[in-house]
N, C-alpha and C. Protein backbone atom coordinates (compact mmCIF):
# COMPACT_ATOMS: atom_id res chain seq x y z
N MET A 1 129.03 -277.28 -0.44
CA MET A 1 127.64 -277.69 -0.38
C MET A 1 126.96 -276.72 0.42
N ASN A 2 127.40 -276.40 1.48
CA ASN A 2 126.77 -275.44 2.65
C ASN A 2 126.41 -274.05 1.95
N THR A 3 127.36 -273.58 1.12
CA THR A 3 127.10 -272.28 0.54
C THR A 3 126.12 -272.24 -0.58
N ILE A 4 125.98 -273.48 -1.24
CA ILE A 4 124.81 -273.58 -2.30
C ILE A 4 123.42 -273.53 -1.43
N TYR A 5 123.46 -274.17 -0.46
CA TYR A 5 122.34 -274.33 0.53
C TYR A 5 121.82 -272.88 0.89
N LYS A 6 122.88 -272.16 1.30
CA LYS A 6 122.55 -270.72 1.76
C LYS A 6 122.13 -269.81 0.69
N GLU A 7 122.73 -269.89 -0.43
CA GLU A 7 122.32 -269.05 -1.61
C GLU A 7 120.96 -269.49 -2.06
N ARG A 8 120.55 -270.68 -2.07
CA ARG A 8 119.15 -270.99 -2.46
C ARG A 8 118.11 -270.62 -1.38
N LYS A 9 118.61 -270.67 -0.20
CA LYS A 9 117.64 -270.16 0.95
C LYS A 9 117.58 -268.61 0.76
N ILE A 10 118.47 -267.85 0.53
CA ILE A 10 118.52 -266.50 0.38
C ILE A 10 117.66 -266.22 -0.88
N VAL A 11 117.81 -266.85 -2.14
CA VAL A 11 117.02 -266.55 -3.23
C VAL A 11 115.64 -266.88 -3.11
N SER A 12 115.23 -267.86 -2.26
CA SER A 12 113.93 -268.39 -2.08
C SER A 12 113.18 -267.34 -1.27
N ARG A 13 113.90 -266.89 -0.18
CA ARG A 13 113.36 -265.84 0.75
C ARG A 13 113.10 -264.35 -0.07
N LEU A 14 114.07 -264.03 -0.73
CA LEU A 14 113.91 -262.83 -1.84
C LEU A 14 112.68 -262.96 -2.57
N PHE A 15 112.51 -264.32 -3.27
CA PHE A 15 111.26 -264.48 -4.11
C PHE A 15 110.15 -264.37 -3.32
N ALA A 16 110.07 -265.03 -2.11
CA ALA A 16 108.76 -265.09 -1.10
C ALA A 16 108.53 -263.33 -0.83
N VAL A 17 109.53 -262.58 -0.51
CA VAL A 17 109.29 -261.26 -0.26
C VAL A 17 108.57 -260.56 -1.53
N LEU A 18 109.46 -260.76 -2.52
CA LEU A 18 108.78 -260.27 -3.75
C LEU A 18 107.31 -260.58 -4.29
N LEU A 19 107.08 -261.81 -3.96
CA LEU A 19 105.91 -262.35 -4.23
C LEU A 19 104.71 -261.71 -3.38
N CYS A 20 104.96 -261.52 -2.22
CA CYS A 20 104.23 -260.90 -1.15
C CYS A 20 104.03 -259.44 -1.52
N ALA A 21 104.84 -258.72 -1.89
CA ALA A 21 104.95 -257.37 -2.26
C ALA A 21 103.94 -257.23 -3.64
N LEU A 22 104.07 -258.07 -4.43
CA LEU A 22 103.29 -258.09 -5.73
C LEU A 22 101.84 -258.43 -5.45
N LEU A 23 101.56 -259.39 -4.41
CA LEU A 23 100.15 -259.57 -4.12
C LEU A 23 99.53 -258.55 -3.36
N THR A 24 100.24 -257.76 -2.49
CA THR A 24 99.56 -256.76 -1.82
C THR A 24 99.31 -255.38 -2.70
N VAL A 25 99.85 -255.34 -3.76
CA VAL A 25 99.58 -254.05 -4.63
C VAL A 25 98.10 -253.89 -5.12
N PRO A 26 97.42 -255.08 -5.71
CA PRO A 26 95.95 -254.88 -5.87
C PRO A 26 95.16 -254.58 -4.71
N LEU A 27 95.48 -255.15 -3.55
CA LEU A 27 94.71 -254.91 -2.34
C LEU A 27 94.85 -253.37 -1.92
N LEU A 28 96.04 -252.80 -1.98
CA LEU A 28 96.23 -251.51 -1.54
C LEU A 28 95.80 -250.51 -2.62
N SER A 29 95.81 -250.72 -3.71
CA SER A 29 95.31 -249.82 -4.94
C SER A 29 93.78 -249.78 -4.90
N SER A 30 93.09 -250.88 -4.29
CA SER A 30 91.57 -250.68 -4.32
C SER A 30 91.02 -249.97 -3.15
N CYS A 31 91.96 -249.43 -2.33
CA CYS A 31 91.41 -248.81 -1.33
C CYS A 31 91.49 -247.25 -1.41
N GLY A 32 90.56 -246.57 -1.03
CA GLY A 32 90.46 -244.96 -1.26
C GLY A 32 90.23 -244.64 -2.69
N GLY A 33 90.39 -243.21 -2.80
CA GLY A 33 90.32 -242.82 -4.32
C GLY A 33 88.96 -242.79 -4.62
N GLY A 34 88.48 -243.56 -5.44
CA GLY A 34 87.13 -243.64 -6.04
C GLY A 34 87.16 -242.74 -7.22
N SER A 35 86.14 -242.89 -7.93
CA SER A 35 85.62 -242.02 -9.00
C SER A 35 85.33 -240.57 -8.78
N LYS A 36 85.88 -239.56 -9.30
CA LYS A 36 85.50 -238.26 -9.17
C LYS A 36 84.18 -237.86 -9.79
N THR A 37 83.79 -238.61 -10.75
CA THR A 37 82.52 -238.35 -11.43
C THR A 37 81.49 -238.94 -10.77
N ALA A 38 81.44 -239.87 -9.85
CA ALA A 38 80.42 -240.46 -9.15
C ALA A 38 79.64 -239.60 -8.27
N THR A 39 78.44 -239.70 -8.27
CA THR A 39 77.47 -238.80 -7.35
C THR A 39 77.62 -239.32 -5.88
N PRO A 40 77.86 -238.40 -5.00
CA PRO A 40 78.26 -238.80 -3.49
C PRO A 40 76.73 -239.31 -3.04
N PRO A 41 76.94 -240.11 -1.90
CA PRO A 41 75.64 -240.41 -1.38
C PRO A 41 74.95 -239.34 -0.71
N PRO A 42 73.72 -239.62 -0.36
CA PRO A 42 72.64 -238.62 0.22
C PRO A 42 73.18 -238.14 1.57
N VAL A 43 73.03 -236.88 2.01
CA VAL A 43 73.26 -236.39 3.29
C VAL A 43 71.97 -236.32 4.14
N ASP A 44 71.85 -236.90 5.14
CA ASP A 44 70.59 -236.68 5.96
C ASP A 44 70.84 -235.55 7.14
N ASP A 45 70.68 -234.49 6.56
CA ASP A 45 70.76 -233.39 7.62
C ASP A 45 69.43 -232.85 8.28
N THR A 46 68.54 -233.69 8.45
CA THR A 46 67.20 -233.37 8.82
C THR A 46 67.45 -232.96 10.41
N VAL A 47 68.38 -233.59 11.20
CA VAL A 47 68.47 -233.23 12.64
C VAL A 47 68.99 -231.83 12.81
N GLY A 48 68.39 -231.05 13.73
CA GLY A 48 68.68 -229.72 14.05
C GLY A 48 68.51 -228.81 13.11
N ARG A 49 67.93 -228.99 11.88
CA ARG A 49 67.74 -227.99 10.95
C ARG A 49 66.36 -227.31 11.16
N THR A 50 66.42 -225.86 11.05
CA THR A 50 65.25 -225.11 11.10
C THR A 50 64.60 -224.74 9.73
N VAL A 51 63.40 -224.70 9.67
CA VAL A 51 62.73 -224.48 8.51
C VAL A 51 61.79 -223.17 8.41
N SER A 52 62.12 -222.26 9.23
CA SER A 52 61.47 -221.08 9.49
C SER A 52 61.33 -220.17 8.39
N ASP A 53 62.53 -220.21 7.38
CA ASP A 53 62.25 -219.21 6.38
C ASP A 53 61.40 -219.89 5.33
N ARG A 54 61.19 -221.29 5.40
CA ARG A 54 60.21 -221.71 4.43
C ARG A 54 58.83 -221.57 4.84
N GLN A 55 58.63 -221.57 6.23
CA GLN A 55 57.35 -221.34 6.67
C GLN A 55 56.92 -219.82 6.56
N THR A 56 57.82 -219.03 6.65
CA THR A 56 57.43 -217.67 6.55
C THR A 56 57.04 -217.35 5.15
N GLN A 57 57.73 -217.85 4.03
CA GLN A 57 57.63 -218.00 2.69
C GLN A 57 56.28 -218.32 2.54
N ALA A 58 55.75 -219.25 3.08
CA ALA A 58 54.39 -219.94 2.84
C ALA A 58 53.35 -218.94 3.52
N LYS A 59 53.57 -218.30 4.53
CA LYS A 59 52.51 -217.42 5.07
C LYS A 59 52.52 -215.99 4.40
N LYS A 60 53.31 -215.85 3.47
CA LYS A 60 53.18 -214.50 2.74
C LYS A 60 52.01 -214.49 1.95
N GLY A 61 51.21 -213.30 1.95
CA GLY A 61 50.16 -213.33 1.21
C GLY A 61 48.76 -213.62 1.86
N LEU A 62 48.94 -214.16 3.13
CA LEU A 62 47.61 -214.59 3.79
C LEU A 62 47.17 -213.35 4.42
N GLY A 63 45.80 -213.12 4.06
CA GLY A 63 45.05 -212.08 4.77
C GLY A 63 44.41 -212.56 5.96
N THR A 64 43.69 -211.59 6.55
CA THR A 64 43.24 -211.94 7.91
C THR A 64 41.82 -212.64 7.68
N GLY A 65 41.06 -212.40 6.67
CA GLY A 65 39.94 -213.06 6.47
C GLY A 65 39.94 -214.20 5.69
N GLN A 66 41.16 -214.55 5.07
CA GLN A 66 41.25 -215.71 4.00
C GLN A 66 41.38 -217.02 4.92
N LYS A 67 40.58 -217.94 4.25
CA LYS A 67 40.57 -219.40 4.97
C LYS A 67 41.98 -220.22 4.52
N VAL A 68 42.52 -220.80 5.56
CA VAL A 68 43.82 -221.22 5.48
C VAL A 68 43.59 -222.79 5.80
N ALA A 69 44.60 -223.67 5.14
CA ALA A 69 44.69 -224.96 5.62
C ALA A 69 46.10 -225.30 6.11
N LEU A 70 46.15 -226.25 6.99
CA LEU A 70 47.40 -226.57 7.58
C LEU A 70 48.00 -227.85 6.89
N LEU A 71 49.00 -227.63 6.32
CA LEU A 71 49.75 -228.90 5.60
C LEU A 71 50.69 -229.36 6.39
N ALA A 72 50.84 -230.68 6.71
CA ALA A 72 51.96 -231.29 7.56
C ALA A 72 52.31 -232.62 6.81
N GLY A 73 53.48 -233.22 7.15
CA GLY A 73 53.70 -234.51 6.66
C GLY A 73 53.86 -234.62 5.21
N ALA A 74 53.28 -235.55 4.51
CA ALA A 74 53.29 -235.94 3.28
C ALA A 74 52.81 -234.76 2.45
N ALA A 75 51.66 -234.13 2.95
CA ALA A 75 50.83 -233.12 2.07
C ALA A 75 51.96 -231.71 2.12
N ALA A 76 52.43 -231.44 3.27
CA ALA A 76 53.51 -230.42 3.43
C ALA A 76 54.68 -230.66 2.41
N LEU A 77 55.15 -231.85 2.48
CA LEU A 77 56.45 -232.10 1.65
C LEU A 77 56.08 -231.96 0.31
N TYR A 78 54.92 -232.51 -0.26
CA TYR A 78 54.54 -232.43 -1.53
C TYR A 78 54.38 -230.93 -2.13
N TYR A 79 53.77 -230.16 -1.19
CA TYR A 79 53.66 -228.69 -1.49
C TYR A 79 55.04 -228.10 -1.60
N MET A 80 55.89 -228.45 -0.73
CA MET A 80 57.18 -227.78 -0.78
C MET A 80 58.05 -228.18 -2.10
N TYR A 81 57.91 -229.54 -2.45
CA TYR A 81 58.29 -230.10 -3.75
C TYR A 81 57.91 -229.26 -4.76
N ASN A 82 56.41 -229.02 -4.94
CA ASN A 82 55.90 -228.29 -6.10
C ASN A 82 56.18 -226.82 -6.11
N GLN A 83 56.57 -226.36 -5.04
CA GLN A 83 57.09 -224.78 -4.99
C GLN A 83 58.44 -224.76 -5.50
N HIS A 84 59.29 -225.75 -5.42
CA HIS A 84 60.59 -225.69 -5.82
C HIS A 84 60.98 -226.52 -7.02
N LYS A 85 60.11 -227.34 -7.50
CA LYS A 85 60.56 -228.31 -8.60
C LYS A 85 60.99 -227.53 -9.75
N ASN A 86 60.67 -226.40 -10.10
CA ASN A 86 61.13 -225.59 -11.24
C ASN A 86 62.06 -224.61 -10.96
N ALA A 87 62.77 -224.59 -9.83
CA ALA A 87 63.59 -223.56 -9.66
C ALA A 87 64.85 -223.75 -10.40
N PRO A 88 65.41 -222.49 -10.76
CA PRO A 88 66.70 -222.57 -11.82
C PRO A 88 67.91 -222.87 -11.10
N GLN A 89 68.20 -222.60 -9.75
CA GLN A 89 69.26 -222.88 -9.12
C GLN A 89 69.37 -224.09 -8.21
N GLU A 90 70.49 -224.43 -7.58
CA GLU A 90 70.58 -225.62 -6.83
C GLU A 90 70.60 -225.26 -5.30
N GLY A 91 70.59 -226.11 -4.40
CA GLY A 91 70.63 -225.72 -3.02
C GLY A 91 69.42 -225.91 -2.38
N ALA A 92 69.10 -225.55 -1.09
CA ALA A 92 68.21 -225.48 -0.26
C ALA A 92 67.02 -224.62 -0.79
N GLN A 93 67.25 -223.53 -1.33
CA GLN A 93 66.25 -222.51 -2.00
C GLN A 93 65.93 -222.79 -3.52
N GLY A 94 66.73 -223.84 -3.86
CA GLY A 94 66.77 -224.18 -5.34
C GLY A 94 65.69 -225.27 -5.71
N LYS A 95 66.08 -226.09 -6.77
CA LYS A 95 65.38 -227.08 -7.36
C LYS A 95 65.31 -228.31 -6.43
N TYR A 96 64.05 -228.84 -6.19
CA TYR A 96 63.79 -230.00 -5.43
C TYR A 96 63.46 -231.16 -6.51
N TYR A 97 63.75 -232.44 -6.03
CA TYR A 97 63.51 -233.60 -6.84
C TYR A 97 62.70 -234.46 -5.83
N LEU A 98 61.98 -235.43 -6.51
CA LEU A 98 61.21 -236.57 -5.79
C LEU A 98 61.72 -237.87 -6.10
N SER A 99 62.12 -238.50 -5.04
CA SER A 99 62.95 -239.76 -5.37
C SER A 99 61.87 -240.97 -5.45
N LYS A 100 62.42 -241.98 -5.81
CA LYS A 100 61.38 -243.12 -6.15
C LYS A 100 60.99 -243.72 -4.88
N ASN A 101 61.52 -243.44 -3.71
CA ASN A 101 60.97 -243.89 -2.45
C ASN A 101 60.03 -243.11 -1.85
N GLY A 102 59.77 -241.93 -2.44
CA GLY A 102 58.58 -241.05 -2.07
C GLY A 102 59.28 -239.92 -1.01
N ARG A 103 60.47 -239.56 -1.26
CA ARG A 103 61.04 -238.46 -0.35
C ARG A 103 61.51 -237.52 -1.25
N VAL A 104 61.70 -236.33 -0.75
CA VAL A 104 62.02 -235.02 -1.57
C VAL A 104 63.34 -234.74 -1.02
N TYR A 105 64.07 -234.38 -2.08
CA TYR A 105 65.59 -233.91 -1.84
C TYR A 105 65.94 -232.76 -2.84
N TYR A 106 66.96 -232.08 -2.44
CA TYR A 106 67.69 -231.18 -3.36
C TYR A 106 69.15 -231.53 -3.38
N ARG A 107 69.95 -231.07 -4.24
CA ARG A 107 71.27 -231.22 -4.40
C ARG A 107 72.01 -229.95 -4.17
N ASP A 108 73.25 -229.90 -3.43
CA ASP A 108 73.83 -228.82 -3.10
C ASP A 108 75.06 -228.61 -4.32
N ALA A 109 75.85 -227.53 -4.02
CA ALA A 109 76.75 -227.34 -5.16
C ALA A 109 77.63 -228.42 -5.48
N GLU A 110 77.90 -229.39 -4.64
CA GLU A 110 78.76 -230.50 -4.85
C GLU A 110 77.87 -231.90 -5.39
N HIS A 111 76.62 -231.62 -5.74
CA HIS A 111 75.79 -232.56 -6.23
C HIS A 111 75.19 -233.63 -5.27
N ARG A 112 75.48 -233.34 -3.77
CA ARG A 112 75.06 -234.36 -2.98
C ARG A 112 73.68 -233.87 -2.60
N ALA A 113 72.94 -235.13 -2.41
CA ALA A 113 71.38 -234.97 -2.24
C ALA A 113 71.28 -234.80 -0.67
N HIS A 114 70.32 -233.88 -0.38
CA HIS A 114 69.89 -233.46 1.11
C HIS A 114 68.42 -233.79 1.03
N TRP A 115 68.02 -234.69 2.09
CA TRP A 115 66.58 -234.79 2.22
C TRP A 115 65.92 -233.71 2.94
N VAL A 116 64.67 -233.54 2.36
CA VAL A 116 64.06 -232.50 2.87
C VAL A 116 62.87 -232.81 3.77
N THR A 117 62.72 -232.24 4.93
CA THR A 117 61.51 -232.70 5.90
C THR A 117 60.65 -231.52 6.04
N PRO A 118 59.43 -231.69 6.10
CA PRO A 118 58.50 -230.61 6.37
C PRO A 118 58.61 -230.11 7.87
N PRO A 119 58.21 -228.86 8.09
CA PRO A 119 58.33 -228.51 9.46
C PRO A 119 57.30 -229.10 10.38
N SER A 120 57.62 -229.52 11.74
CA SER A 120 56.87 -230.18 12.63
C SER A 120 55.55 -229.58 13.05
N GLU A 121 55.62 -228.21 12.85
CA GLU A 121 54.22 -227.46 13.13
C GLU A 121 53.61 -227.21 11.88
N GLY A 122 53.84 -227.72 10.67
CA GLY A 122 52.96 -227.66 9.58
C GLY A 122 53.36 -226.25 8.83
N ILE A 123 52.55 -226.31 7.77
CA ILE A 123 52.72 -225.01 6.92
C ILE A 123 51.37 -224.57 6.48
N ARG A 124 50.95 -223.29 6.95
CA ARG A 124 49.92 -222.62 6.59
C ARG A 124 49.81 -222.14 5.24
N VAL A 125 48.78 -222.61 4.51
CA VAL A 125 48.65 -222.39 2.94
C VAL A 125 47.11 -221.82 2.65
N PRO A 126 46.95 -220.99 1.81
CA PRO A 126 45.59 -220.66 1.53
C PRO A 126 44.84 -221.90 1.01
N GLU A 127 43.48 -221.88 1.51
CA GLU A 127 42.85 -223.07 1.13
C GLU A 127 42.60 -223.48 -0.29
N SER A 128 42.53 -222.37 -0.97
CA SER A 128 42.54 -222.53 -2.49
C SER A 128 43.50 -223.32 -2.96
N GLN A 129 44.84 -223.09 -2.58
CA GLN A 129 46.10 -223.72 -3.05
C GLN A 129 46.22 -225.06 -2.43
N ALA A 130 45.68 -225.33 -1.19
CA ALA A 130 45.70 -226.45 -0.43
C ALA A 130 44.89 -227.56 -1.03
N GLN A 131 43.78 -227.16 -1.76
CA GLN A 131 42.82 -228.27 -2.05
C GLN A 131 43.67 -229.51 -3.03
N GLN A 132 44.53 -229.21 -3.66
CA GLN A 132 45.12 -230.24 -4.27
C GLN A 132 45.99 -231.37 -3.59
N TYR A 133 46.17 -230.99 -2.35
CA TYR A 133 46.76 -231.66 -1.44
C TYR A 133 45.91 -232.62 -0.35
N ARG A 134 44.54 -232.57 -0.58
CA ARG A 134 43.52 -233.01 0.42
C ARG A 134 43.88 -234.37 0.47
N GLN A 135 44.22 -235.28 -0.52
CA GLN A 135 44.23 -236.72 -0.57
C GLN A 135 45.45 -237.22 0.26
N PHE A 136 46.36 -236.40 0.55
CA PHE A 136 47.70 -236.53 1.29
C PHE A 136 47.66 -236.78 2.77
N GLN A 137 48.40 -237.54 3.50
CA GLN A 137 48.56 -237.56 4.77
C GLN A 137 48.99 -235.97 5.36
N GLY A 138 48.34 -235.68 6.37
CA GLY A 138 48.87 -234.40 7.03
C GLY A 138 48.04 -233.13 6.61
N TYR A 139 47.13 -233.44 5.58
CA TYR A 139 46.18 -232.30 5.25
C TYR A 139 45.19 -231.97 6.33
N ASN A 140 45.37 -230.73 6.88
CA ASN A 140 44.50 -230.29 8.06
C ASN A 140 44.56 -231.42 9.26
N GLY A 141 45.62 -231.95 9.57
CA GLY A 141 45.64 -232.89 10.67
C GLY A 141 45.12 -234.29 10.39
N ASN A 142 44.98 -234.52 9.02
CA ASN A 142 44.49 -235.94 8.58
C ASN A 142 45.64 -236.86 8.76
N THR A 143 45.55 -238.01 9.56
CA THR A 143 46.55 -238.99 9.70
C THR A 143 46.41 -240.16 8.53
N SER A 144 45.39 -240.19 8.01
CA SER A 144 45.24 -241.25 6.89
C SER A 144 45.26 -240.55 5.54
N GLY A 145 45.49 -241.30 4.44
CA GLY A 145 45.72 -240.73 3.24
C GLY A 145 46.95 -241.21 2.58
N ARG A 146 47.34 -240.61 1.46
CA ARG A 146 48.30 -241.00 0.62
C ARG A 146 49.71 -240.52 1.13
N ASP A 147 50.82 -241.24 0.79
CA ASP A 147 52.18 -240.79 0.93
C ASP A 147 52.64 -240.44 -0.30
N LEU A 148 53.96 -240.17 -0.64
CA LEU A 148 54.57 -239.65 -1.86
C LEU A 148 55.00 -240.99 -2.72
N THR A 149 55.05 -242.08 -2.22
CA THR A 149 55.56 -243.09 -2.93
C THR A 149 54.66 -243.32 -4.26
N GLY A 150 55.29 -243.72 -5.34
CA GLY A 150 54.38 -243.98 -6.52
C GLY A 150 54.25 -242.70 -7.31
N ILE A 151 54.48 -241.48 -6.81
CA ILE A 151 54.45 -240.34 -7.61
C ILE A 151 55.67 -240.16 -8.19
N THR A 152 55.76 -239.98 -9.68
CA THR A 152 57.06 -240.08 -10.23
C THR A 152 57.35 -238.58 -10.77
N SER A 153 58.64 -238.28 -10.76
CA SER A 153 59.01 -237.02 -11.44
C SER A 153 60.05 -237.23 -12.60
N SER A 154 59.82 -237.00 -13.74
CA SER A 154 60.75 -237.48 -14.89
C SER A 154 61.87 -236.57 -14.72
N ALA A 155 61.90 -235.50 -14.13
CA ALA A 155 63.20 -234.52 -14.11
C ALA A 155 64.17 -234.84 -13.12
N ALA A 156 63.71 -235.88 -12.28
CA ALA A 156 64.67 -236.15 -11.11
C ALA A 156 65.99 -237.02 -11.38
N PRO A 157 67.03 -236.44 -11.23
CA PRO A 157 68.20 -237.19 -11.51
C PRO A 157 68.50 -238.43 -10.63
N ALA A 158 69.20 -239.46 -10.98
CA ALA A 158 69.32 -240.66 -10.28
C ALA A 158 69.99 -240.40 -8.77
N LEU A 159 69.36 -240.91 -7.76
CA LEU A 159 69.80 -240.66 -6.45
C LEU A 159 70.81 -241.84 -5.91
């Protein structure tokens, strides 16, 4: 009788261990990996980034007697978006997109989104080009005005 009891005890322990192992498989298989086709989350690399190359591009073609406007904030961001929205390549110097929340971003070679921020010192733009940004915050130091929310871009991929 004692041997039957020991055999049942061993079998029930083996069954319990097997059951525990089978129950942990779904838990362990759900960790990591992920879909390789999913778009990675946006990268916020606005800290420590310099935009001097964009500012020098905006200064090209300004004559000494030409009137200029200073675009900062939303006005500068929308100006930068309009300068890059039809660019053929990807990356910081490539195509820019306008998100639903009113922010501008570009996608790198791995299709990660990078938020674009305007230079803190603003962008000097010929006044003839700057007129279309008059209604936005940051046009010639204007703190009131419109931001980029509600402006839609049909060409922007999902973020």
